[in-house]
Amino acid sequence: MIEVSIRVIYGDTDQMGVVYYANHFRYFEYARGELFRSLGGSYALMEEEGYMLPVVEAQCCYRAPARYDDLLKLKVWVAEIKRASIIFCYELRREGEGVLLATGKTVHVCISKEGRAVRLPDSAIRFFQQQSADIKETEAHG
C-alpha cells in the first residue's frame, strides 16, 4: 500500500465547488501509477513487454465532498491477483482529517497487444504479490 497526495485544482470541481464525481477515477489512476513506480515499475514497462491492463470495472462510493484547494491523501493497494486480472482498492481522505471522503475499486484484465485476455506475466504477478504481502504483514503488525 502507498499513500499519495493530490491537490484539488479549480478545474477538478463542478459548479457547486465540489470535486466532480468522475475526477475520482483520475485520482485513482494517478495513485496506481505511483504504486507502480514505488515498486520499481511502470505501466510503460508492461506495455513495452506487450501487456496492457485496461480497466474493466470501476467503482467509487462517495462519502463526503472534496473541494477546491484541498490536499487529499489517497491510499492504493492491490486487493487481489488472479490469473489474468488484478484488483486495486482506494481510500481518499482530506489531509489532517480522519473523514473518509471516498472509497473505490478498479478491476483490470491483462491483455496482449492484439487485445486478447492473457495470463498476467510471472514478473507482474511477483511484482504485485510482493506489494500484497507487504500489506498483509503491515496489517498483522498494525
N, C-alpha and C. Protein backbone atom coordinates (compact mmCIF):
# COMPACT_ATOMS: atom_id res chain seq x y z
N MET A 1 0.86 -1.17 0.00
CA MET A 1 0.00 0.00 0.00
C MET A 1 0.90 1.23 0.00
N ILE A 2 0.49 2.22 -0.76
CA ILE A 2 1.16 3.50 -0.69
C ILE A 2 0.10 4.58 -0.51
N GLU A 3 0.58 5.74 -0.10
CA GLU A 3 -0.30 6.90 0.04
C GLU A 3 0.31 8.02 -0.79
N VAL A 4 -0.53 8.66 -1.59
CA VAL A 4 -0.09 9.78 -2.42
C VAL A 4 -0.91 11.02 -2.06
N SER A 5 -0.33 12.17 -2.34
CA SER A 5 -1.01 13.44 -2.11
C SER A 5 -1.47 14.01 -3.44
N ILE A 6 -2.65 14.60 -3.43
CA ILE A 6 -3.21 15.24 -4.62
C ILE A 6 -3.86 16.55 -4.17
N ARG A 7 -3.47 17.64 -4.82
CA ARG A 7 -4.09 18.93 -4.55
C ARG A 7 -5.23 19.13 -5.55
N VAL A 8 -6.42 19.46 -5.05
CA VAL A 8 -7.57 19.68 -5.93
C VAL A 8 -7.39 21.02 -6.64
N ILE A 9 -7.37 20.97 -7.96
CA ILE A 9 -7.30 22.21 -8.74
C ILE A 9 -8.72 22.67 -9.08
N TYR A 10 -8.85 23.94 -9.42
CA TYR A 10 -10.16 24.51 -9.71
C TYR A 10 -10.89 23.74 -10.80
N GLY A 11 -10.14 23.31 -11.83
CA GLY A 11 -10.74 22.59 -12.95
C GLY A 11 -11.29 21.22 -12.59
N ASP A 12 -10.96 20.71 -11.41
CA ASP A 12 -11.48 19.42 -10.95
C ASP A 12 -12.86 19.55 -10.30
N THR A 13 -13.32 20.78 -10.09
CA THR A 13 -14.56 20.96 -9.35
C THR A 13 -15.73 21.30 -10.28
N ASP A 14 -16.92 21.09 -9.77
CA ASP A 14 -18.13 21.41 -10.54
C ASP A 14 -18.68 22.77 -10.09
N GLN A 15 -19.83 23.13 -10.56
CA GLN A 15 -20.42 24.43 -10.26
C GLN A 15 -20.69 24.61 -8.76
N MET A 16 -20.81 23.50 -8.03
CA MET A 16 -21.07 23.58 -6.60
C MET A 16 -19.78 23.66 -5.79
N GLY A 17 -18.62 23.67 -6.48
CA GLY A 17 -17.34 23.76 -5.79
C GLY A 17 -16.84 22.44 -5.23
N VAL A 18 -17.46 21.34 -5.65
CA VAL A 18 -17.12 20.00 -5.19
C VAL A 18 -16.38 19.28 -6.31
N VAL A 19 -15.44 18.42 -5.94
CA VAL A 19 -14.75 17.64 -6.97
C VAL A 19 -15.78 16.86 -7.77
N TYR A 20 -15.76 17.07 -9.08
CA TYR A 20 -16.67 16.37 -9.99
C TYR A 20 -16.47 14.87 -9.84
N TYR A 21 -17.56 14.12 -9.77
CA TYR A 21 -17.51 12.71 -9.42
C TYR A 21 -16.54 11.90 -10.27
N ALA A 22 -16.48 12.16 -11.57
CA ALA A 22 -15.63 11.35 -12.46
C ALA A 22 -14.14 11.58 -12.20
N ASN A 23 -13.79 12.72 -11.61
CA ASN A 23 -12.38 13.01 -11.35
C ASN A 23 -11.79 12.08 -10.30
N HIS A 24 -12.63 11.47 -9.49
CA HIS A 24 -12.11 10.50 -8.53
C HIS A 24 -11.39 9.36 -9.26
N PHE A 25 -11.88 8.99 -10.44
CA PHE A 25 -11.23 7.92 -11.20
C PHE A 25 -9.88 8.37 -11.76
N ARG A 26 -9.76 9.66 -12.07
CA ARG A 26 -8.44 10.19 -12.47
C ARG A 26 -7.47 10.11 -11.29
N TYR A 27 -7.97 10.44 -10.10
CA TYR A 27 -7.12 10.35 -8.91
C TYR A 27 -6.69 8.90 -8.67
N PHE A 28 -7.62 7.96 -8.87
CA PHE A 28 -7.28 6.55 -8.70
C PHE A 28 -6.18 6.15 -9.69
N GLU A 29 -6.32 6.62 -10.93
CA GLU A 29 -5.31 6.29 -11.94
C GLU A 29 -3.94 6.85 -11.56
N TYR A 30 -3.93 8.07 -11.07
CA TYR A 30 -2.68 8.67 -10.63
C TYR A 30 -2.03 7.82 -9.53
N ALA A 31 -2.83 7.42 -8.55
CA ALA A 31 -2.31 6.62 -7.44
C ALA A 31 -1.79 5.27 -7.92
N ARG A 32 -2.49 4.63 -8.86
CA ARG A 32 -1.99 3.35 -9.41
C ARG A 32 -0.63 3.53 -10.05
N GLY A 33 -0.49 4.59 -10.82
CA GLY A 33 0.80 4.86 -11.46
C GLY A 33 1.90 5.04 -10.44
N GLU A 34 1.59 5.74 -9.36
CA GLU A 34 2.59 5.94 -8.30
C GLU A 34 2.89 4.64 -7.57
N LEU A 35 1.89 3.76 -7.45
CA LEU A 35 2.14 2.45 -6.85
C LEU A 35 3.12 1.67 -7.71
N PHE A 36 2.90 1.67 -9.01
CA PHE A 36 3.83 1.00 -9.93
C PHE A 36 5.25 1.55 -9.72
N ARG A 37 5.38 2.87 -9.69
CA ARG A 37 6.70 3.49 -9.53
C ARG A 37 7.34 3.11 -8.20
N SER A 38 6.53 3.09 -7.14
CA SER A 38 7.08 2.77 -5.81
C SER A 38 7.62 1.35 -5.75
N LEU A 39 7.12 0.50 -6.63
CA LEU A 39 7.58 -0.89 -6.68
C LEU A 39 8.69 -1.09 -7.71
N GLY A 40 9.10 0.01 -8.34
CA GLY A 40 10.19 -0.08 -9.30
C GLY A 40 9.75 -0.39 -10.73
N GLY A 41 8.48 -0.19 -11.03
CA GLY A 41 7.99 -0.49 -12.38
C GLY A 41 7.17 0.67 -12.92
N SER A 42 6.47 0.39 -14.01
CA SER A 42 5.56 1.39 -14.59
C SER A 42 4.65 0.71 -15.60
N TYR A 43 3.54 1.38 -15.91
CA TYR A 43 2.68 0.89 -16.97
C TYR A 43 3.45 0.81 -18.28
N ALA A 44 4.29 1.82 -18.51
CA ALA A 44 5.05 1.88 -19.76
C ALA A 44 5.91 0.63 -19.94
N LEU A 45 6.54 0.16 -18.87
CA LEU A 45 7.37 -1.05 -18.96
C LEU A 45 6.53 -2.27 -19.32
N MET A 46 5.35 -2.39 -18.73
CA MET A 46 4.47 -3.52 -19.07
C MET A 46 4.08 -3.45 -20.54
N GLU A 47 3.75 -2.26 -21.01
CA GLU A 47 3.35 -2.11 -22.40
C GLU A 47 4.50 -2.43 -23.35
N GLU A 48 5.72 -2.07 -22.96
CA GLU A 48 6.89 -2.42 -23.77
C GLU A 48 7.04 -3.93 -23.88
N GLU A 49 6.62 -4.66 -22.84
CA GLU A 49 6.69 -6.12 -22.84
C GLU A 49 5.50 -6.73 -23.56
N GLY A 50 4.56 -5.90 -24.02
CA GLY A 50 3.43 -6.39 -24.80
C GLY A 50 2.16 -6.64 -24.00
N TYR A 51 2.09 -6.12 -22.79
CA TYR A 51 0.92 -6.33 -21.93
C TYR A 51 0.29 -4.99 -21.58
N MET A 52 -1.04 -5.00 -21.47
CA MET A 52 -1.78 -3.82 -21.04
C MET A 52 -2.78 -4.25 -19.98
N LEU A 53 -3.17 -3.30 -19.14
CA LEU A 53 -4.10 -3.57 -18.04
C LEU A 53 -5.29 -2.61 -18.09
N PRO A 54 -6.18 -2.76 -19.08
CA PRO A 54 -7.33 -1.86 -19.12
C PRO A 54 -8.29 -2.10 -17.95
N VAL A 55 -8.97 -1.04 -17.57
CA VAL A 55 -10.00 -1.12 -16.54
C VAL A 55 -11.23 -1.78 -17.15
N VAL A 56 -11.74 -2.83 -16.50
CA VAL A 56 -12.96 -3.48 -16.98
C VAL A 56 -14.12 -3.27 -16.01
N GLU A 57 -13.79 -2.76 -14.82
CA GLU A 57 -14.83 -2.44 -13.84
C GLU A 57 -14.27 -1.35 -12.94
N ALA A 58 -15.10 -0.35 -12.65
CA ALA A 58 -14.69 0.74 -11.77
C ALA A 58 -15.83 1.08 -10.83
N GLN A 59 -15.47 1.32 -9.58
CA GLN A 59 -16.48 1.58 -8.57
C GLN A 59 -15.97 2.67 -7.64
N CYS A 60 -16.86 3.57 -7.24
CA CYS A 60 -16.50 4.61 -6.28
C CYS A 60 -17.70 4.87 -5.39
N CYS A 61 -17.46 4.91 -4.10
CA CYS A 61 -18.51 5.25 -3.13
C CYS A 61 -18.13 6.61 -2.54
N TYR A 62 -18.96 7.60 -2.79
CA TYR A 62 -18.71 8.97 -2.35
C TYR A 62 -19.33 9.18 -0.97
N ARG A 63 -18.52 9.58 -0.02
CA ARG A 63 -19.00 9.70 1.36
C ARG A 63 -19.07 11.14 1.85
N ALA A 64 -18.12 11.96 1.38
CA ALA A 64 -18.09 13.38 1.76
C ALA A 64 -17.38 14.14 0.64
N PRO A 65 -17.69 15.42 0.47
CA PRO A 65 -17.12 16.16 -0.66
C PRO A 65 -15.67 16.58 -0.44
N ALA A 66 -14.92 16.57 -1.53
CA ALA A 66 -13.62 17.21 -1.58
C ALA A 66 -13.83 18.50 -2.35
N ARG A 67 -13.08 19.55 -2.01
CA ARG A 67 -13.30 20.87 -2.60
C ARG A 67 -12.00 21.48 -3.13
N TYR A 68 -12.16 22.54 -3.90
CA TYR A 68 -11.02 23.25 -4.47
C TYR A 68 -9.96 23.54 -3.40
N ASP A 69 -8.72 23.27 -3.76
CA ASP A 69 -7.52 23.53 -2.97
C ASP A 69 -7.33 22.57 -1.79
N ASP A 70 -8.23 21.61 -1.61
CA ASP A 70 -8.00 20.60 -0.57
C ASP A 70 -6.75 19.80 -0.94
N LEU A 71 -5.98 19.44 0.06
CA LEU A 71 -4.88 18.50 -0.15
C LEU A 71 -5.43 17.14 0.27
N LEU A 72 -5.48 16.24 -0.69
CA LEU A 72 -6.07 14.92 -0.46
C LEU A 72 -4.98 13.88 -0.28
N LYS A 73 -5.25 12.90 0.55
CA LYS A 73 -4.39 11.75 0.74
C LYS A 73 -5.14 10.54 0.20
N LEU A 74 -4.52 9.85 -0.73
CA LEU A 74 -5.16 8.71 -1.38
C LEU A 74 -4.30 7.47 -1.17
N LYS A 75 -4.88 6.46 -0.54
CA LYS A 75 -4.21 5.18 -0.36
C LYS A 75 -4.63 4.25 -1.47
N VAL A 76 -3.69 3.47 -1.99
CA VAL A 76 -3.98 2.48 -3.02
C VAL A 76 -3.23 1.20 -2.67
N TRP A 77 -3.88 0.07 -2.94
CA TRP A 77 -3.23 -1.21 -2.71
C TRP A 77 -3.81 -2.27 -3.63
N VAL A 78 -3.05 -3.33 -3.79
CA VAL A 78 -3.50 -4.48 -4.56
C VAL A 78 -4.34 -5.34 -3.63
N ALA A 79 -5.60 -5.52 -3.99
CA ALA A 79 -6.50 -6.30 -3.14
C ALA A 79 -6.52 -7.78 -3.55
N GLU A 80 -6.35 -8.04 -4.85
CA GLU A 80 -6.44 -9.43 -5.32
C GLU A 80 -5.73 -9.57 -6.67
N ILE A 81 -5.04 -10.68 -6.81
CA ILE A 81 -4.39 -11.02 -8.07
C ILE A 81 -4.95 -12.36 -8.52
N LYS A 82 -5.44 -12.40 -9.74
CA LYS A 82 -5.95 -13.64 -10.31
C LYS A 82 -5.10 -13.99 -11.52
N ARG A 83 -5.46 -15.03 -12.19
CA ARG A 83 -4.68 -15.49 -13.35
C ARG A 83 -4.46 -14.41 -14.40
N ALA A 84 -5.51 -13.69 -14.77
CA ALA A 84 -5.40 -12.69 -15.82
C ALA A 84 -5.95 -11.33 -15.39
N SER A 85 -6.14 -11.14 -14.09
CA SER A 85 -6.69 -9.85 -13.64
C SER A 85 -6.10 -9.44 -12.30
N ILE A 86 -6.30 -8.18 -12.00
CA ILE A 86 -5.81 -7.62 -10.75
C ILE A 86 -6.82 -6.58 -10.27
N ILE A 87 -7.02 -6.54 -8.95
CA ILE A 87 -7.97 -5.60 -8.36
C ILE A 87 -7.20 -4.64 -7.44
N PHE A 88 -7.43 -3.34 -7.67
CA PHE A 88 -6.85 -2.31 -6.82
C PHE A 88 -7.97 -1.68 -5.99
N CYS A 89 -7.65 -1.31 -4.75
CA CYS A 89 -8.61 -0.61 -3.89
C CYS A 89 -8.03 0.72 -3.46
N TYR A 90 -8.93 1.65 -3.10
CA TYR A 90 -8.55 3.03 -2.83
C TYR A 90 -9.33 3.58 -1.63
N GLU A 91 -8.67 4.47 -0.88
CA GLU A 91 -9.31 5.26 0.18
C GLU A 91 -8.85 6.69 0.03
N LEU A 92 -9.79 7.62 0.01
CA LEU A 92 -9.48 9.04 -0.17
C LEU A 92 -9.90 9.82 1.06
N ARG A 93 -8.97 10.61 1.60
CA ARG A 93 -9.23 11.46 2.77
C ARG A 93 -8.61 12.83 2.54
N ARG A 94 -9.12 13.83 3.26
CA ARG A 94 -8.51 15.15 3.25
C ARG A 94 -7.34 15.10 4.23
N GLU A 95 -6.23 15.72 3.87
CA GLU A 95 -5.06 15.67 4.75
C GLU A 95 -5.39 16.25 6.11
N GLY A 96 -4.93 15.56 7.14
CA GLY A 96 -5.11 16.04 8.50
C GLY A 96 -6.46 15.72 9.11
N GLU A 97 -7.31 15.04 8.36
CA GLU A 97 -8.64 14.68 8.88
C GLU A 97 -8.83 13.18 8.77
N GLY A 98 -9.62 12.64 9.65
CA GLY A 98 -9.91 11.22 9.59
C GLY A 98 -11.12 10.88 8.74
N VAL A 99 -11.79 11.91 8.24
CA VAL A 99 -13.04 11.69 7.50
C VAL A 99 -12.74 11.01 6.16
N LEU A 100 -13.42 9.92 5.95
CA LEU A 100 -13.30 9.19 4.68
C LEU A 100 -14.16 9.89 3.64
N LEU A 101 -13.51 10.37 2.56
CA LEU A 101 -14.24 11.08 1.51
C LEU A 101 -14.79 10.12 0.46
N ALA A 102 -14.00 9.09 0.13
CA ALA A 102 -14.44 8.14 -0.91
C ALA A 102 -13.63 6.86 -0.79
N THR A 103 -14.25 5.78 -1.24
CA THR A 103 -13.56 4.51 -1.40
C THR A 103 -13.80 4.05 -2.82
N GLY A 104 -12.90 3.22 -3.30
CA GLY A 104 -13.08 2.75 -4.67
C GLY A 104 -12.38 1.45 -4.95
N LYS A 105 -12.66 0.95 -6.14
CA LYS A 105 -12.07 -0.30 -6.60
C LYS A 105 -12.03 -0.26 -8.11
N THR A 106 -10.93 -0.76 -8.67
CA THR A 106 -10.87 -0.95 -10.12
C THR A 106 -10.38 -2.36 -10.40
N VAL A 107 -10.98 -2.97 -11.40
CA VAL A 107 -10.60 -4.30 -11.83
C VAL A 107 -9.96 -4.16 -13.21
N HIS A 108 -8.80 -4.78 -13.38
CA HIS A 108 -8.04 -4.69 -14.63
C HIS A 108 -7.80 -6.09 -15.16
N VAL A 109 -7.94 -6.24 -16.47
CA VAL A 109 -7.65 -7.51 -17.12
C VAL A 109 -6.38 -7.33 -17.94
N CYS A 110 -5.52 -8.30 -17.88
CA CYS A 110 -4.30 -8.27 -18.67
C CYS A 110 -4.62 -8.69 -20.10
N ILE A 111 -4.22 -7.85 -21.06
CA ILE A 111 -4.45 -8.18 -22.47
C ILE A 111 -3.15 -8.04 -23.25
N SER A 112 -3.11 -8.75 -24.36
CA SER A 112 -1.97 -8.65 -25.28
C SER A 112 -2.17 -7.43 -26.18
N LYS A 113 -1.16 -7.13 -26.99
CA LYS A 113 -1.28 -6.01 -27.93
C LYS A 113 -2.40 -6.24 -28.93
N GLU A 114 -2.75 -7.51 -29.14
CA GLU A 114 -3.84 -7.85 -30.06
C GLU A 114 -5.21 -7.69 -29.40
N GLY A 115 -5.23 -7.38 -28.12
CA GLY A 115 -6.49 -7.16 -27.42
C GLY A 115 -7.12 -8.40 -26.83
N ARG A 116 -6.38 -9.51 -26.77
CA ARG A 116 -6.91 -10.75 -26.17
C ARG A 116 -6.49 -10.85 -24.71
N ALA A 117 -7.41 -11.34 -23.88
CA ALA A 117 -7.07 -11.56 -22.48
C ALA A 117 -5.99 -12.64 -22.41
N VAL A 118 -4.97 -12.35 -21.60
CA VAL A 118 -3.86 -13.28 -21.42
C VAL A 118 -3.50 -13.36 -19.94
N ARG A 119 -2.80 -14.40 -19.59
CA ARG A 119 -2.34 -14.57 -18.22
C ARG A 119 -1.38 -13.43 -17.88
N LEU A 120 -1.48 -12.93 -16.65
CA LEU A 120 -0.52 -11.93 -16.19
C LEU A 120 0.88 -12.54 -16.28
N PRO A 121 1.86 -11.78 -16.76
CA PRO A 121 3.21 -12.32 -16.81
C PRO A 121 3.72 -12.62 -15.39
N ASP A 122 4.55 -13.65 -15.28
CA ASP A 122 5.08 -14.04 -13.97
C ASP A 122 5.75 -12.86 -13.26
N SER A 123 6.45 -12.02 -14.03
CA SER A 123 7.13 -10.86 -13.43
C SER A 123 6.11 -9.92 -12.78
N ALA A 124 4.98 -9.71 -13.42
CA ALA A 124 3.94 -8.84 -12.87
C ALA A 124 3.30 -9.48 -11.64
N ILE A 125 3.08 -10.78 -11.68
CA ILE A 125 2.50 -11.47 -10.53
C ILE A 125 3.42 -11.33 -9.32
N ARG A 126 4.70 -11.60 -9.51
CA ARG A 126 5.68 -11.45 -8.41
C ARG A 126 5.71 -10.01 -7.92
N PHE A 127 5.71 -9.08 -8.84
CA PHE A 127 5.74 -7.65 -8.56
C PHE A 127 4.59 -7.26 -7.63
N PHE A 128 3.37 -7.67 -7.99
CA PHE A 128 2.21 -7.29 -7.21
C PHE A 128 2.02 -8.16 -5.97
N GLN A 129 2.45 -9.41 -6.02
CA GLN A 129 2.35 -10.25 -4.84
C GLN A 129 3.23 -9.71 -3.73
N GLN A 130 4.38 -9.17 -4.07
CA GLN A 130 5.26 -8.59 -3.05
C GLN A 130 4.54 -7.43 -2.37
N GLN A 131 3.90 -6.59 -3.15
CA GLN A 131 3.17 -5.46 -2.58
C GLN A 131 2.02 -5.96 -1.71
N SER A 132 1.33 -6.98 -2.19
CA SER A 132 0.22 -7.56 -1.44
C SER A 132 0.72 -8.20 -0.14
N ALA A 133 1.85 -8.87 -0.19
CA ALA A 133 2.44 -9.49 1.01
C ALA A 133 2.83 -8.42 2.02
N ASP A 134 3.36 -7.30 1.54
CA ASP A 134 3.74 -6.20 2.43
C ASP A 134 2.52 -5.67 3.18
N ILE A 135 1.38 -5.59 2.48
CA ILE A 135 0.14 -5.12 3.12
C ILE A 135 -0.27 -6.08 4.23
N LYS A 136 -0.28 -7.38 3.92
CA LYS A 136 -0.70 -8.37 4.91
C LYS A 136 0.20 -8.35 6.13
N GLU A 137 1.51 -8.16 5.93
CA GLU A 137 2.43 -8.09 7.05
C GLU A 137 2.17 -6.84 7.89
N THR A 138 1.91 -5.72 7.23
CA THR A 138 1.61 -4.48 7.93
C THR A 138 0.32 -4.63 8.74
N GLU A 139 -0.71 -5.25 8.15
CA GLU A 139 -1.98 -5.45 8.85
C GLU A 139 -1.80 -6.35 10.05
N ALA A 140 -0.94 -7.37 9.94
CA ALA A 140 -0.70 -8.31 11.04
C ALA A 140 -0.03 -7.63 12.22
N HIS A 141 0.80 -6.62 11.94
CA HIS A 141 1.54 -5.93 12.99
C HIS A 141 0.91 -4.60 13.39
N GLY A 142 -0.18 -4.24 12.67
CA GLY A 142 -0.80 -2.91 12.91
C GLY A 142 -1.92 -3.04 13.82
